[in-house]
Protein backbone atom coordinates (compact mmCIF):
# COMPACT_ATOMS: atom_id res chain seq x y z
CA MET A 1 111.69 112.52 143.61
CA ARG A 2 114.59 110.23 145.53
CA SER A 3 117.60 108.73 143.73
CA PHE A 4 118.66 105.32 144.23
CA PRO A 5 122.25 105.34 143.00
CA LEU A 6 123.90 102.69 141.06
CA SER A 7 127.69 102.44 141.13
CA LYS A 8 128.12 99.87 138.44
CA PRO A 9 126.11 98.64 135.54
CA PRO A 10 123.66 95.63 136.29
CA ILE A 11 124.78 92.18 135.56
CA TYR A 12 122.08 91.50 133.05
CA SER A 13 120.35 94.35 132.18
CA GLU A 14 118.67 93.89 128.73
CA ILE A 15 114.92 94.39 128.91
CA PHE A 16 114.25 92.40 125.79
CA PHE A 17 116.02 89.10 124.72
CA LEU A 18 116.68 88.02 121.13
CA ASN A 19 115.39 84.24 121.05
CA LYS A 20 118.34 82.59 119.49
CA PHE A 21 116.21 79.37 118.87
CA ASP A 22 113.93 81.52 116.78
CA SER A 23 114.23 82.31 113.32
CA SER A 24 112.57 85.88 114.02
CA SER A 25 114.81 88.89 114.53
CA LEU A 26 112.40 90.86 116.12
CA ARG A 27 112.49 92.08 119.76
CA PHE A 28 109.48 92.21 121.98
CA PRO A 29 108.54 94.56 124.92
CA THR A 30 107.01 93.28 128.01
CA SER A 31 105.38 94.03 131.49
CA PHE A 32 102.33 96.12 132.12
CA SER A 33 102.69 97.88 128.82
CA LEU A 34 105.78 96.98 127.02
CA ASN A 35 104.46 93.24 126.23
CA ARG A 36 102.08 94.82 123.79
CA TYR A 37 103.34 93.99 120.54
CA PHE A 38 105.63 92.66 121.23
CA SER A 39 129.10 79.59 133.95
CA ARG A 40 125.69 79.97 136.10
CA GLN A 41 124.81 77.16 138.55
CA ILE A 42 121.22 76.51 139.11
CA TRP A 43 119.44 75.11 142.32
CA TRP A 44 118.09 71.81 140.57
CA ARG A 45 115.46 70.89 142.89
CA ASN A 46 112.89 67.97 141.99
CA MET A 47 114.28 68.22 138.27
CA ALA A 48 112.02 66.01 135.97
CA CYS A 49 112.61 65.82 131.86
CA SER A 50 109.55 66.08 129.84
CA THR A 51 109.15 63.55 127.12
CA GLN A 52 107.97 66.39 124.84
CA ASN A 53 110.50 68.68 125.48
CA ALA A 54 114.35 68.40 126.09
CA SER A 55 114.20 71.26 128.61
CA PRO A 56 114.30 70.05 132.31
CA SER A 57 111.33 71.24 134.77
CA ILE A 58 112.59 72.86 138.00
CA GLN A 59 110.44 73.60 141.08
CA THR A 60 110.92 77.21 141.98
CA VAL A 61 112.46 78.31 145.29
CA SER A 62 109.53 78.70 147.72
CA ILE A 63 109.10 80.54 150.74
CA SER A 64 106.04 80.27 153.41
CA TYR A 65 103.88 83.15 153.90
CA SER A 66 104.45 82.78 157.86
CA ASP A 67 108.24 82.98 157.28
CA LEU A 68 108.01 85.79 154.66
CA GLN A 69 105.93 88.19 157.19
CA ASP A 70 108.46 87.78 159.94
CA LYS A 71 110.86 90.48 159.38
CA LYS A 72 113.19 89.00 161.85
CA ALA A 73 113.55 85.84 159.66
CA ASP A 74 116.70 85.64 157.82
CA LEU A 75 115.61 84.41 154.21
CA SER A 76 118.97 85.77 152.43
CA THR A 77 119.54 82.23 151.69
CA LYS A 78 116.30 81.52 149.70
CA ILE A 79 116.41 85.09 148.23
CA GLU A 80 119.82 84.39 146.79
CA GLU A 81 119.07 81.00 145.52
CA GLY A 82 115.92 82.06 143.77
CA LEU A 83 116.39 85.74 142.83
CA GLY A 84 120.19 86.23 142.87
CA PRO A 85 122.84 86.25 140.06
CA ASN A 86 122.75 82.64 139.97
CA GLY A 87 118.94 82.12 140.54
CA LEU A 88 116.29 81.68 138.01
CA GLY A 89 114.85 85.21 138.67
CA ILE A 90 111.61 83.83 140.34
CA ILE A 91 110.25 82.53 143.79
CA SER A 92 107.14 81.40 145.18
CA ILE A 93 105.21 82.05 147.98
CA SER A 94 102.97 79.29 149.93
CA LYS A 95 100.02 79.15 152.29
CA VAL A 96 99.01 82.74 151.81
CA PRO A 97 95.74 82.94 153.38
CA GLY A 98 92.92 83.72 151.34
CA PHE A 99 94.82 83.55 148.07
CA SER A 100 93.23 80.21 146.81
CA SER A 101 89.76 81.71 146.82
CA LEU A 102 90.44 84.98 145.32
CA ARG A 103 92.36 83.37 142.61
CA ARG A 104 89.42 81.11 141.66
CA ASN A 105 86.89 83.92 141.91
CA LEU A 106 88.82 86.29 139.58
CA LEU A 107 90.11 83.80 137.09
CA HIS A 108 86.44 82.48 136.79
CA LEU A 109 85.44 85.93 135.47
CA SER A 110 87.77 86.07 132.77
CA PRO A 111 85.77 83.88 129.92
CA ARG A 112 82.72 85.83 131.09
CA LEU A 113 84.43 88.96 130.32
CA ALA A 114 86.07 87.53 127.03
CA HIS A 115 82.55 86.62 125.66
CA LEU A 116 80.77 89.90 126.79
CA PRO A 117 79.18 91.42 123.50
CA GLU A 118 81.49 93.36 121.11
CA GLU A 119 79.78 96.24 121.82
CA VAL A 120 80.34 96.36 125.16
CA LYS A 121 84.07 95.39 125.13
CA THR A 122 84.45 98.19 122.69
CA THR A 123 83.63 100.56 125.43
CA LEU A 124 86.19 99.01 127.59
CA GLU A 125 88.91 99.89 125.31
CA ASP A 126 91.41 102.60 125.77
CA PRO A 127 93.78 103.41 122.72
CA ASP A 128 95.15 106.59 124.52
CA SER A 129 96.99 104.37 126.59
CA ARG A 130 98.31 101.97 123.99
CA TYR A 131 95.40 99.69 125.46
CA ASN A 132 96.89 99.50 128.76
CA PHE A 133 93.77 100.15 130.40
CA GLY A 134 90.42 98.15 129.89
CA TRP A 135 90.23 95.43 127.16
CA SER A 136 92.72 94.69 124.59
CA HIS A 137 92.30 92.02 122.04
CA GLY A 138 94.57 91.55 118.95
CA LYS A 139 96.56 94.60 119.80
CA GLU A 140 99.69 92.63 120.89
CA LYS A 141 101.80 90.81 118.17
CA LEU A 142 103.28 87.44 117.99
CA GLU A 143 106.70 86.96 117.06
CA SER A 144 105.84 86.37 113.47
CA GLY A 145 104.41 89.84 113.51
CA LYS A 146 101.10 88.94 113.12
CA PRO A 147 98.46 90.25 115.43
CA ASP A 148 97.95 88.20 118.71
CA THR A 149 94.17 86.91 118.29
CA LEU A 150 94.53 83.98 120.58
CA LYS A 151 94.18 85.86 123.74
CA GLY A 152 92.52 88.67 125.52
CA SER A 153 93.62 91.03 128.43
CA PHE A 154 92.03 93.33 130.76
CA TYR A 155 94.20 95.96 132.69
CA ALA A 156 93.70 97.89 135.49
CA ASN A 157 95.45 99.59 138.54
CA PRO A 158 93.95 97.50 141.50
CA ILE A 159 95.01 100.14 144.16
CA LEU A 160 93.85 103.27 142.61
CA ASP A 161 90.91 103.98 140.20
CA THR A 162 92.18 107.46 139.44
CA PRO A 163 95.98 107.68 140.02
CA THR A 164 96.34 111.42 139.17
CA THR A 165 93.89 114.01 137.93
CA ASP A 166 96.70 115.84 136.46
CA SER A 167 95.89 116.12 132.77
CA SER A 168 99.41 117.48 131.83
CA LEU A 169 100.73 113.67 133.70
CA ILE A 170 97.83 111.83 131.78
CA GLN A 171 98.87 113.00 128.37
CA ARG A 172 102.34 112.09 129.30
CA TYR A 173 102.14 109.12 130.80
CA PRO A 174 98.87 107.68 129.77
CA SER A 175 100.04 103.73 130.63
CA TYR A 176 100.32 104.89 134.21
CA CYS A 177 97.95 107.64 134.67
CA GLN A 178 94.59 106.95 133.20
CA THR A 179 91.68 106.08 135.08
CA ASN A 180 90.36 102.62 135.14
CA ILE A 181 87.70 101.18 133.05
CA TRP A 182 85.31 98.86 134.63
CA PRO A 183 82.52 97.02 132.69
CA GLY A 184 80.01 98.22 135.22
CA ASP A 185 76.41 96.38 135.15
CA ALA A 186 77.69 94.07 132.17
CA LEU A 187 80.09 92.03 134.72
CA PRO A 188 79.59 93.98 138.32
CA GLU A 189 81.61 91.19 140.09
CA LEU A 190 84.86 92.03 137.94
CA GLU A 191 85.83 95.19 139.75
CA PRO A 192 85.82 93.86 143.47
CA ALA A 193 87.52 90.37 142.30
CA PHE A 194 90.17 92.37 140.53
CA LYS A 195 90.93 94.72 143.16
CA ALA A 196 91.02 92.12 146.23
CA LEU A 197 93.42 89.77 144.14
CA GLY A 198 95.51 92.41 143.32
CA LYS A 199 95.86 94.19 146.61
CA LEU A 200 96.62 90.69 148.17
CA MET A 201 99.46 89.99 145.57
CA LEU A 202 100.79 93.51 146.20
CA ASP A 203 100.88 93.18 150.06
CA VAL A 204 102.73 89.84 149.60
CA GLY A 205 105.02 91.20 147.00
CA LEU A 206 105.76 94.15 149.57
CA MET A 207 106.75 91.42 152.07
CA LEU A 208 109.29 90.03 149.59
CA ALA A 209 110.45 93.32 148.98
CA TYR A 210 111.52 94.09 152.40
CA HIS A 211 113.41 90.66 152.37
CA CYS A 212 115.18 91.55 149.34
CA ASP A 213 116.08 94.91 150.57
CA GLN A 214 117.72 93.00 153.70
CA TYR A 215 119.56 90.83 151.02
CA ALA A 216 121.02 93.37 148.91
CA SER A 217 121.86 95.55 152.03
CA LYS A 218 124.58 93.34 152.51
CA TRP A 219 126.50 94.83 149.62
CA MET A 220 125.04 98.25 149.39
CA THR A 221 124.14 101.02 151.36
CA MET A 222 120.60 102.59 150.96
CA GLY A 223 118.56 105.01 153.03
CA ASP A 224 115.21 104.06 154.79
CA ASP A 225 113.15 105.29 151.80
CA GLU A 226 115.46 104.03 149.27
CA GLY A 227 114.91 100.30 149.17
CA LEU A 228 112.53 98.35 146.87
CA GLU A 229 109.82 98.12 149.68
CA GLN A 230 109.41 101.79 150.25
CA ILE A 231 109.62 102.62 146.53
CA LEU A 232 106.82 100.16 145.84
CA LEU A 233 104.78 101.29 148.72
CA ARG A 234 104.70 104.87 147.50
CA SER A 235 104.07 104.09 143.80
CA ARG A 236 100.58 104.79 141.89
CA CYS A 237 101.80 102.72 139.07
CA HIS A 238 100.87 99.36 139.99
CA LYS A 239 98.94 97.24 137.24
CA GLY A 240 96.92 93.99 137.04
CA ARG A 241 96.42 92.23 133.73
CA LEU A 242 93.75 89.47 133.72
CA LEU A 243 94.20 87.14 130.78
CA TYR A 244 92.10 85.09 128.71
CA TYR A 245 93.39 82.35 126.03
CA PHE A 246 90.61 81.48 123.76
CA PRO A 247 89.93 77.88 123.39
CA ALA A 248 92.40 76.06 121.12
CA GLN A 249 91.25 74.96 117.88
CA ARG A 250 92.47 71.74 116.25
CA SER A 251 94.96 73.50 113.81
CA ASP A 252 96.21 75.51 116.99
CA CYS A 253 97.17 72.01 118.82
CA THR A 254 99.30 70.79 115.96
CA GLN A 255 100.94 73.67 114.28
CA ASP A 256 104.12 75.31 115.72
CA ALA A 257 104.75 72.45 118.10
CA GLY A 258 108.29 73.09 118.36
CA ASN A 259 108.08 76.77 119.08
CA ILE A 260 108.56 77.17 122.98
CA SER A 261 107.67 80.86 122.85
CA SER A 262 104.26 79.99 120.84
CA TRP A 263 101.86 81.67 123.83
CA CYS A 264 104.28 84.55 124.81
CA GLY A 265 107.51 85.82 123.10
CA TRP A 266 111.15 85.74 124.86
CA HIS A 267 111.32 88.91 127.19
CA THR A 268 112.58 90.15 130.38
CA ASP A 269 110.38 92.33 132.39
CA HIS A 270 110.35 95.86 132.72
CA GLY A 271 109.15 96.94 136.16
CA SER A 272 110.12 95.84 139.83
CA LEU A 273 108.27 92.92 140.69
CA THR A 274 105.72 90.90 138.53
CA GLY A 275 103.50 88.63 140.68
CA LEU A 276 101.94 85.80 138.92
CA THR A 277 99.18 83.10 139.46
CA CYS A 278 99.37 79.68 138.03
CA GLY A 279 97.32 79.31 135.08
CA MET A 280 93.95 77.63 135.21
CA PHE A 281 92.71 75.49 132.41
CA MET A 282 88.82 74.75 131.41
CA ARG A 283 86.88 73.29 129.03
CA ASP A 284 83.15 73.55 128.77
CA GLY A 285 83.29 75.58 132.18
CA GLU A 286 84.99 72.91 134.07
CA GLU A 287 88.52 73.03 135.49
CA LEU A 288 90.91 70.36 134.13
CA PRO A 289 94.80 69.79 134.57
CA CYS A 290 96.97 71.35 131.92
CA PRO A 291 96.68 69.30 129.01
CA ASP A 292 100.47 69.21 127.77
CA SER A 293 103.13 68.67 130.54
CA ALA A 294 105.38 70.51 128.23
CA ALA A 295 103.37 73.76 128.14
CA GLY A 296 104.12 76.32 130.61
CA LEU A 297 106.69 79.16 131.76
CA TYR A 298 110.46 78.89 130.50
CA ILE A 299 113.22 80.82 131.71
CA LYS A 300 116.78 81.19 130.12
CA THR A 301 119.74 80.77 132.49
CA ARG A 302 123.08 82.62 132.36
CA ASN A 303 124.73 79.72 130.82
CA ASN A 304 122.25 79.68 128.00
CA LYS A 305 120.20 76.79 129.14
CA ILE A 306 116.48 76.73 128.93
CA VAL A 307 114.42 75.32 131.61
CA LYS A 308 110.70 75.26 132.51
CA ALA A 309 109.80 76.69 135.96
CA VAL A 310 106.92 74.96 138.05
CA PHE A 311 105.07 76.23 140.98
CA GLY A 312 101.73 75.55 142.49
CA GLU A 313 98.23 76.44 142.01
CA ASP A 314 98.19 77.81 145.47
CA GLU A 315 101.30 79.58 145.29
CA ILE A 316 101.99 83.08 144.45
CA ALA A 317 105.16 83.55 142.07
CA TYR A 318 107.31 86.58 141.95
CA GLN A 319 109.68 87.40 139.01
CA ILE A 320 112.46 90.08 139.30
CA GLY A 321 112.12 93.19 136.71
CA GLU A 322 114.98 94.99 134.91
CA THR A 323 114.21 98.00 137.54
CA THR A 324 115.00 95.93 140.25
CA GLU A 325 118.26 94.78 138.85
CA VAL A 326 119.46 98.29 138.17
CA LEU A 327 118.43 99.32 141.63
CA SER A 328 120.08 96.42 143.44
CA ARG A 329 123.21 97.19 141.50
CA GLY A 330 122.94 93.52 139.98
CA ARG A 331 122.23 91.76 143.10
CA LEU A 332 118.73 90.83 142.21
CA CYS A 333 118.63 89.70 138.49
CA ALA A 334 115.85 89.61 135.86
CA THR A 335 115.90 86.62 133.64
CA PRO A 336 114.52 86.31 130.18
CA HIS A 337 111.43 84.25 130.08
CA CYS A 338 108.48 82.78 127.68
CA VAL A 339 105.51 80.63 127.53
CA LYS A 340 104.68 77.64 125.90
CA ALA A 341 100.98 76.78 124.91
CA PRO A 342 99.75 73.09 125.01
CA LYS A 343 99.73 70.89 122.00
CA GLY A 344 98.26 67.72 121.09
CA GLU A 345 94.69 66.47 120.84
CA LYS A 346 94.00 66.78 124.59
CA ALA A 347 94.36 70.67 124.12
CA PHE A 348 91.54 71.13 121.85
CA GLY A 349 88.76 73.33 123.06
CA VAL A 350 90.93 74.10 126.13
CA GLU A 351 90.85 77.73 127.60
CA ARG A 352 93.52 79.08 129.78
CA LEU A 353 92.96 81.91 132.55
CA THR A 354 95.79 83.71 134.72
CA PHE A 355 96.59 86.96 136.38
CA ALA A 356 99.22 88.93 136.75
CA LEU A 357 100.40 91.94 138.90
CA PHE A 358 103.08 94.09 137.55
CA MET A 359 104.53 96.12 140.64
CA GLN A 360 106.77 99.04 139.56
CA PRO A 361 108.01 102.49 140.84
CA ASP A 362 106.01 105.53 140.39
CA TRP A 363 106.54 107.70 137.25
CA ASP A 364 108.42 110.34 139.29
CA GLU A 365 110.72 107.87 140.88
CA SER A 366 114.30 108.84 140.26
CA LEU A 367 116.79 106.19 138.65
CA LYS A 368 120.49 106.81 138.78
CA PHE A 369 122.33 105.12 135.96
CA PRO A 370 126.08 104.32 136.35
CA GLY A 371 129.07 105.75 134.71
CA GLU A 372 129.47 102.90 132.38
CA VAL A 373 125.87 102.23 130.85
CA HIS A 374 125.31 98.88 129.45
CA LEU A 375 121.86 99.23 129.64
CA HIS A 376 120.03 100.83 126.18
CA GLN A 377 122.93 102.65 125.30
CA GLU A 378 121.49 104.48 122.58
CA LEU A 379 119.12 106.00 125.09
CA ILE A 380 120.55 106.59 128.21
CA MET A 381 123.89 108.67 128.92
CA PRO A 382 126.51 107.84 131.26
CA ASN A 383 125.45 108.95 135.09
CA GLU A 384 122.13 110.03 133.78
CA THR A 385 119.55 110.22 136.07
CA LEU A 386 115.93 109.69 135.00
CA THR A 387 112.46 109.12 136.40
CA PHE A 388 110.70 105.87 136.01
CA GLY A 389 108.15 107.56 133.69
CA GLU A 390 110.98 109.34 131.64
CA TYR A 391 112.73 105.70 131.32
CA SER A 392 109.58 103.93 130.31
CA GLU A 393 108.68 107.01 127.93
CA LYS A 394 112.24 106.55 126.15
CA LEU A 395 111.37 102.56 125.66
CA LEU A 396 107.95 103.10 124.72
CA ASP A 397 109.12 105.87 121.77
CA LYS A 398 111.92 103.35 120.85
CA TYR A 399 109.59 100.22 120.48
CA TYR A 400 106.51 102.03 119.05
CA HIS A 401 108.65 104.26 116.91
CA LEU A 402 106.43 107.55 117.95
CA LYS A 403 109.19 109.79 118.11
């Protein structure tokens, strides 16, 4: 186990963000498993205001794949603009070979999975992992506290079917260490499509992590095996999530129209990097544009402004997680974000499909926290060293009230 020292607390370290614009007093965990129940300047590129929402839309900082794979390229300016202390905590990668077809292949399987017979989907559930492997529907909670039946999720590790055979580790860290559950003959195409897209997004994410290390190394010293790239490269904890948003009913298209977090509550990601595909919208098996220009991913900036982040359907977006903020000493910053559902008559009968890859350290990767802790003070002692598994365990126990 290796320690990545942190000499001062991260600039922005809360994993959960309380939505000041919502009457709810709840906080919602996120990322691979924690999303279950659950004066700053900005680079104002291509800003356009929606007529349905006062929040401006901002194109994410984008890096081409050819530039990303060039280890000699200096991408520090773009890394800082997108992921640094004054960025939105998100960056997109364009022109990734093979991505568009892999995205389409997997997302088109999402409705087929969601509409498998209930008895089949029940066999794909894994309560021991808090439904962080296999099929999950109605296990998360909306900000109202009600079960979220609007979407279903399928979780799997796209790299390792069996991360470990150690029964003690499986029992202690079931959200990471359980074996993948695939639908087999019920949907044989799912496993290869899921793994292909997940592996590609991981490979691209590792390239981004390399350039993040180059940027962060300007302010800190790190060993050859201490950077984000190497931490993620040796991890067995990566988790993919295929999401299916059930077709909206007429009542869903008109209620909570002012709720900006109607699809996913405000949160800050827990892991290292989260890879995202642009959502795909379908009605009766046919792809169509998003029926509401105000729908999408919203981010809260450091000066408490809310903006809509926009990236192309042929781009992979990556968001910084809390753990990377810790390891980079605040040079790479995670930001609170949520997802707004489409509203209006055009949204009736429309389903949404998307995929996320949660890249995170291995469960035995050591994290050394600073002497002055601003991060979950009730859980972490000053100068404490915890493995990522122990750290996640504390958060799970806190938010699930298991201990």
